[in-house]
Amino acid sequence: MKNLVRTTLRLEENLKHTAERVALEERTTLQDIFNRALKSYLEKENKKKAKKIIFKTHNIGKALDNLTRKDYYSNP
């Protein structure tokens, strides 16, 4: 079982009624409805933040990906 903490929230009345109805339909608790909703929201927010990472590239001149061993070392 996961560690649970007690807290107090002030909810919009229509959200609470809708969540209660969904909990009854799914035969689950209001607590479970809110835990799942909050978890889903936080996961989506984390994905948004991860997508915001941008790797900047810089033009450093001629591409060097076609070099050979001879380009680095003199004759042995």
Protein backbone atom coordinates (compact mmCIF):
# COMPACT_ATOMS: atom_id res chain seq x y z
CA MET A 1 0.00 0.00 0.00
CA LYS A 2 1.26 3.47 -0.83
CA ASN A 3 1.82 6.08 1.83
CA LEU A 4 -1.15 8.41 1.95
CA VAL A 5 -1.34 11.84 3.53
CA ARG A 6 -4.42 13.69 4.69
CA THR A 7 -5.10 17.11 3.18
CA THR A 8 -7.97 19.54 2.69
CA LEU A 9 -8.97 20.97 -0.67
CA ARG A 10 -11.60 23.47 -1.69
CA LEU A 11 -13.22 22.25 -4.91
CA GLU A 12 -15.68 23.74 -7.29
CA GLU A 13 -19.04 22.27 -6.40
CA ASN A 14 -19.76 20.94 -9.89
CA LEU A 15 -16.35 19.19 -10.03
CA LYS A 16 -17.02 17.43 -6.74
CA HIS A 17 -20.48 16.28 -7.84
CA THR A 18 -19.12 15.01 -11.15
CA ALA A 19 -16.26 13.19 -9.44
CA GLU A 20 -18.69 11.60 -6.96
CA ARG A 21 -20.88 10.40 -9.83
CA VAL A 22 -17.88 8.93 -11.66
CA ALA A 23 -16.70 7.22 -8.48
CA LEU A 24 -20.12 5.61 -8.04
CA GLU A 25 -20.23 4.50 -11.68
CA GLU A 26 -16.74 2.99 -11.45
CA ARG A 27 -17.39 1.56 -7.99
CA THR A 28 -14.33 3.26 -6.57
CA THR A 29 -13.63 6.00 -4.05
CA LEU A 30 -13.57 9.73 -4.48
CA GLN A 31 -10.00 9.58 -3.19
CA ASP A 32 -9.03 7.26 -6.03
CA ILE A 33 -10.66 9.54 -8.62
CA PHE A 34 -8.71 12.57 -7.39
CA ASN A 35 -5.44 10.64 -7.05
CA ARG A 36 -5.71 9.35 -10.63
CA ALA A 37 -6.69 12.78 -11.98
CA LEU A 38 -3.81 14.53 -10.21
CA LYS A 39 -1.32 11.86 -11.28
CA SER A 40 -2.47 12.11 -14.91
CA TYR A 41 -2.20 15.92 -14.85
CA LEU A 42 1.29 15.87 -13.33
CA GLU A 43 2.53 13.27 -15.85
CA LYS A 44 1.28 15.42 -18.75
CA GLU A 45 2.97 18.51 -17.30
CA ASN A 46 6.26 16.63 -16.94
CA LYS A 47 6.07 15.50 -20.57
CA LYS A 48 5.49 19.09 -21.68
CA LYS A 49 8.55 20.24 -19.78
CA ALA A 50 10.65 17.45 -21.24
CA LYS A 51 9.65 18.48 -24.76
CA LYS A 52 10.86 22.03 -24.11
CA ILE A 53 14.51 20.94 -23.94
CA ILE A 54 16.22 22.34 -27.01
CA PHE A 55 19.73 21.44 -28.04
CA LYS A 56 21.28 24.36 -29.82
CA THR A 57 23.79 23.67 -32.55
CA HIS A 58 26.47 25.95 -33.84
CA ASN A 59 28.09 26.18 -37.23
CA ILE A 60 31.81 25.55 -36.64
CA GLY A 61 32.78 25.49 -40.27
CA LYS A 62 33.52 22.54 -42.49
CA ALA A 63 32.13 19.17 -41.42
CA LEU A 64 34.81 16.88 -40.01
CA ASP A 65 32.93 13.60 -40.16
CA ASN A 66 34.83 12.36 -43.21
CA LEU A 67 38.35 12.34 -41.71
CA THR A 68 40.57 9.29 -41.94
CA ARG A 69 43.43 8.00 -39.80
CA LYS A 70 45.92 9.67 -42.16
CA ASP A 71 44.36 13.05 -41.40
CA TYR A 72 45.32 12.62 -37.71
CA TYR A 73 48.61 10.68 -37.75
CA SER A 74 51.73 10.92 -39.80
CA ASN A 75 53.22 7.83 -41.44
CA PRO A 76 54.35 5.23 -38.84
